[in-house]
């Protein structure tokens, strides 16, 4: 399954900018990759892992802004229509596999 993290965080003040950078850095360290600006995705092996990940993300949420999580199956994610542009290289390389050995 895939977990999408979509967020809209304020960046008007220096403190808000720090909170944005910290949140973005933290979700990337959790394994999320960017598919669009402020839209990140990560593969989860099962529902239990997704629930644990959600709890970890709740601990790093910024005070202000809007953060949404959406968990979908691999099939639902693969059925996503890209209307303009194409999949990013990181999405193409990862595909539906959980791990790539280089």
C-alpha atoms as a PDB file:
ATOM      1  CA  UNK A   1       0.000   0.000   0.000  1.00  0.00           C
ATOM      2  CA  UNK A   2       1.010   3.620  -0.426  1.00  0.00           C
ATOM      3  CA  UNK A   3       0.664   6.461   2.044  1.00  0.00           C
ATOM      4  CA  UNK A   4       0.378   9.947   0.613  1.00  0.00           C
ATOM      5  CA  UNK A   5       1.250  12.937   2.760  1.00  0.00           C
ATOM      6  CA  UNK A   6      -0.103  16.224   1.442  1.00  0.00           C
ATOM      7  CA  UNK A   7       0.569  19.448   3.254  1.00  0.00           C
ATOM      8  CA  UNK A   8       0.113  23.186   3.040  1.00  0.00           C
ATOM      9  CA  UNK A   9       2.229  24.943   5.649  1.00  0.00           C
ATOM     10  CA  UNK A  10       2.631  28.685   6.190  1.00  0.00           C
ATOM     11  CA  UNK A  11       6.088  30.140   5.487  1.00  0.00           C
ATOM     12  CA  UNK A  12       5.535  33.815   6.293  1.00  0.00           C
ATOM     13  CA  UNK A  13       7.839  34.061   9.308  1.00  0.00           C
ATOM     14  CA  UNK A  14      11.310  32.664   9.963  1.00  0.00           C
ATOM     15  CA  UNK A  15       9.837  30.309  12.595  1.00  0.00           C
ATOM     16  CA  UNK A  16       7.251  28.986  10.130  1.00  0.00           C
ATOM     17  CA  UNK A  17       9.961  28.466   7.508  1.00  0.00           C
ATOM     18  CA  UNK A  18      12.015  26.471  10.041  1.00  0.00           C
ATOM     19  CA  UNK A  19       8.955  24.379  10.919  1.00  0.00           C
ATOM     20  CA  UNK A  20       8.345  23.706   7.199  1.00  0.00           C
ATOM     21  CA  UNK A  21      11.960  22.646   6.583  1.00  0.00           C
ATOM     22  CA  UNK A  22      12.017  20.475   9.688  1.00  0.00           C
ATOM     23  CA  UNK A  23       8.741  18.739   8.770  1.00  0.00           C
ATOM     24  CA  UNK A  24       9.863  18.139   5.188  1.00  0.00           C
ATOM     25  CA  UNK A  25      13.213  16.776   6.364  1.00  0.00           C
ATOM     26  CA  UNK A  26      11.481  14.486   8.888  1.00  0.00           C
ATOM     27  CA  UNK A  27       9.036  12.979   6.413  1.00  0.00           C
ATOM     28  CA  UNK A  28      11.863  12.363   3.968  1.00  0.00           C
ATOM     29  CA  UNK A  29      13.808  10.582   6.710  1.00  0.00           C
ATOM     30  CA  UNK A  30      10.692   8.409   7.190  1.00  0.00           C
ATOM     31  CA  UNK A  31      11.062   7.284   3.576  1.00  0.00           C
ATOM     32  CA  UNK A  32       8.668   9.626   1.771  1.00  0.00           C
ATOM     33  CA  UNK A  33       9.589  10.842  -1.704  1.00  0.00           C
ATOM     34  CA  UNK A  34       8.180  13.925  -3.408  1.00  0.00           C
ATOM     35  CA  UNK A  35       5.787  13.338  -6.303  1.00  0.00           C
ATOM     36  CA  UNK A  36       4.650  16.979  -6.505  1.00  0.00           C
ATOM     37  CA  UNK A  37       5.294  20.076  -4.447  1.00  0.00           C
ATOM     38  CA  UNK A  38       3.957  19.365  -0.953  1.00  0.00           C
ATOM     39  CA  UNK A  39       2.788  15.868  -1.981  1.00  0.00           C
ATOM     40  CA  UNK A  40       4.933  12.977  -0.802  1.00  0.00           C
ATOM     41  CA  UNK A  41       4.427   9.224  -1.015  1.00  0.00           C
ATOM     42  CA  UNK A  42       5.821   6.201   0.753  1.00  0.00           C
ATOM     43  CA  UNK A  43       5.302   2.454   0.362  1.00  0.00           C
ATOM     44  CA  UNK A  44       3.971   0.621   3.430  1.00  0.00           C
ATOM     45  CA  UNK A  45       4.106  -3.186   3.584  1.00  0.00           C
ATOM     46  CA  UNK A  46       0.808  -3.498   5.483  1.00  0.00           C
ATOM     47  CA  UNK A  47      -1.920  -1.617   7.377  1.00  0.00           C
ATOM     48  CA  UNK A  48      -0.226  -2.115  10.756  1.00  0.00           C
ATOM     49  CA  UNK A  49       2.964  -0.451   9.498  1.00  0.00           C
ATOM     50  CA  UNK A  50       0.895   2.406   8.041  1.00  0.00           C
ATOM     51  CA  UNK A  51      -0.815   2.939  11.406  1.00  0.00           C
ATOM     52  CA  UNK A  52       2.549   3.020  13.211  1.00  0.00           C
ATOM     53  CA  UNK A  53       3.896   5.467  10.626  1.00  0.00           C
ATOM     54  CA  UNK A  54       0.864   7.698  11.140  1.00  0.00           C
ATOM     55  CA  UNK A  55       1.572   7.796  14.890  1.00  0.00           C
ATOM     56  CA  UNK A  56       5.210   8.744  14.236  1.00  0.00           C
ATOM     57  CA  UNK A  57       4.090  11.500  11.869  1.00  0.00           C
ATOM     58  CA  UNK A  58       1.667  12.889  14.463  1.00  0.00           C
ATOM     59  CA  UNK A  59       4.665  13.528  16.715  1.00  0.00           C
ATOM     60  CA  UNK A  60       6.425  15.687  14.110  1.00  0.00           C
ATOM     61  CA  UNK A  61       3.448  17.713  12.875  1.00  0.00           C
ATOM     62  CA  UNK A  62       3.971  21.478  12.803  1.00  0.00           C
ATOM     63  CA  UNK A  63       1.743  23.671  14.970  1.00  0.00           C
ATOM     64  CA  UNK A  64       0.220  25.525  12.026  1.00  0.00           C
ATOM     65  CA  UNK A  65      -0.921  24.572   8.563  1.00  0.00           C
ATOM     66  CA  UNK A  66      -2.713  21.647   7.023  1.00  0.00           C
ATOM     67  CA  UNK A  67      -1.369  18.081   6.763  1.00  0.00           C
ATOM     68  CA  UNK A  68      -3.378  15.216   5.266  1.00  0.00           C
ATOM     69  CA  UNK A  69      -2.572  11.520   5.032  1.00  0.00           C
ATOM     70  CA  UNK A  70      -4.205   9.153   2.586  1.00  0.00           C
ATOM     71  CA  UNK A  71      -3.499   5.430   2.415  1.00  0.00           C
ATOM     72  CA  UNK A  72      -4.350   3.598  -0.808  1.00  0.00           C
ATOM     73  CA  UNK A  73      -3.617   0.169  -2.220  1.00  0.00           C
ATOM     74  CA  UNK A  74      -0.904  -0.385  -4.817  1.00  0.00           C
ATOM     75  CA  UNK A  75      -3.608  -0.982  -7.432  1.00  0.00           C
ATOM     76  CA  UNK A  76      -5.377   2.279  -6.592  1.00  0.00           C
ATOM     77  CA  UNK A  77      -2.069   4.168  -6.718  1.00  0.00           C
ATOM     78  CA  UNK A  78      -1.132   2.594 -10.060  1.00  0.00           C
ATOM     79  CA  UNK A  79      -4.536   3.606 -11.445  1.00  0.00           C
ATOM     80  CA  UNK A  80      -3.701   7.274 -10.786  1.00  0.00           C
ATOM     81  CA  UNK A  81      -3.973   9.285 -13.994  1.00  0.00           C
ATOM     82  CA  UNK A  82      -1.197  11.729 -14.782  1.00  0.00           C
ATOM     83  CA  UNK A  83      -2.864  14.365 -16.934  1.00  0.00           C
ATOM     84  CA  UNK A  84       0.218  16.465 -17.743  1.00  0.00           C
ATOM     85  CA  UNK A  85       3.842  15.457 -17.370  1.00  0.00           C
ATOM     86  CA  UNK A  86       5.053  12.035 -16.304  1.00  0.00           C
ATOM     87  CA  UNK A  87       6.140  10.020 -13.304  1.00  0.00           C
ATOM     88  CA  UNK A  88       9.272  11.319 -11.672  1.00  0.00           C
ATOM     89  CA  UNK A  89      12.446   9.281 -11.964  1.00  0.00           C
ATOM     90  CA  UNK A  90      12.258   8.286  -8.281  1.00  0.00           C
ATOM     91  CA  UNK A  91       8.719   6.925  -8.770  1.00  0.00           C
ATOM     92  CA  UNK A  92       9.691   5.044 -11.905  1.00  0.00           C
ATOM     93  CA  UNK A  93      12.772   3.542 -10.260  1.00  0.00           C
ATOM     94  CA  UNK A  94      10.894   2.459  -7.127  1.00  0.00           C
ATOM     95  CA  UNK A  95       7.734   1.246  -8.795  1.00  0.00           C
ATOM     96  CA  UNK A  96       5.717  -0.917  -6.425  1.00  0.00           C
ATOM     97  CA  UNK A  97       8.737  -2.574  -4.830  1.00  0.00           C
ATOM     98  CA  UNK A  98       9.570  -1.808  -1.221  1.00  0.00           C
ATOM     99  CA  UNK A  99      13.317  -2.041  -1.613  1.00  0.00           C
ATOM    100  CA  UNK A 100      15.851  -1.598  -4.380  1.00  0.00           C
ATOM    101  CA  UNK A 101      19.289  -3.137  -4.137  1.00  0.00           C
ATOM    102  CA  UNK A 102      21.948  -1.068  -5.877  1.00  0.00           C
END
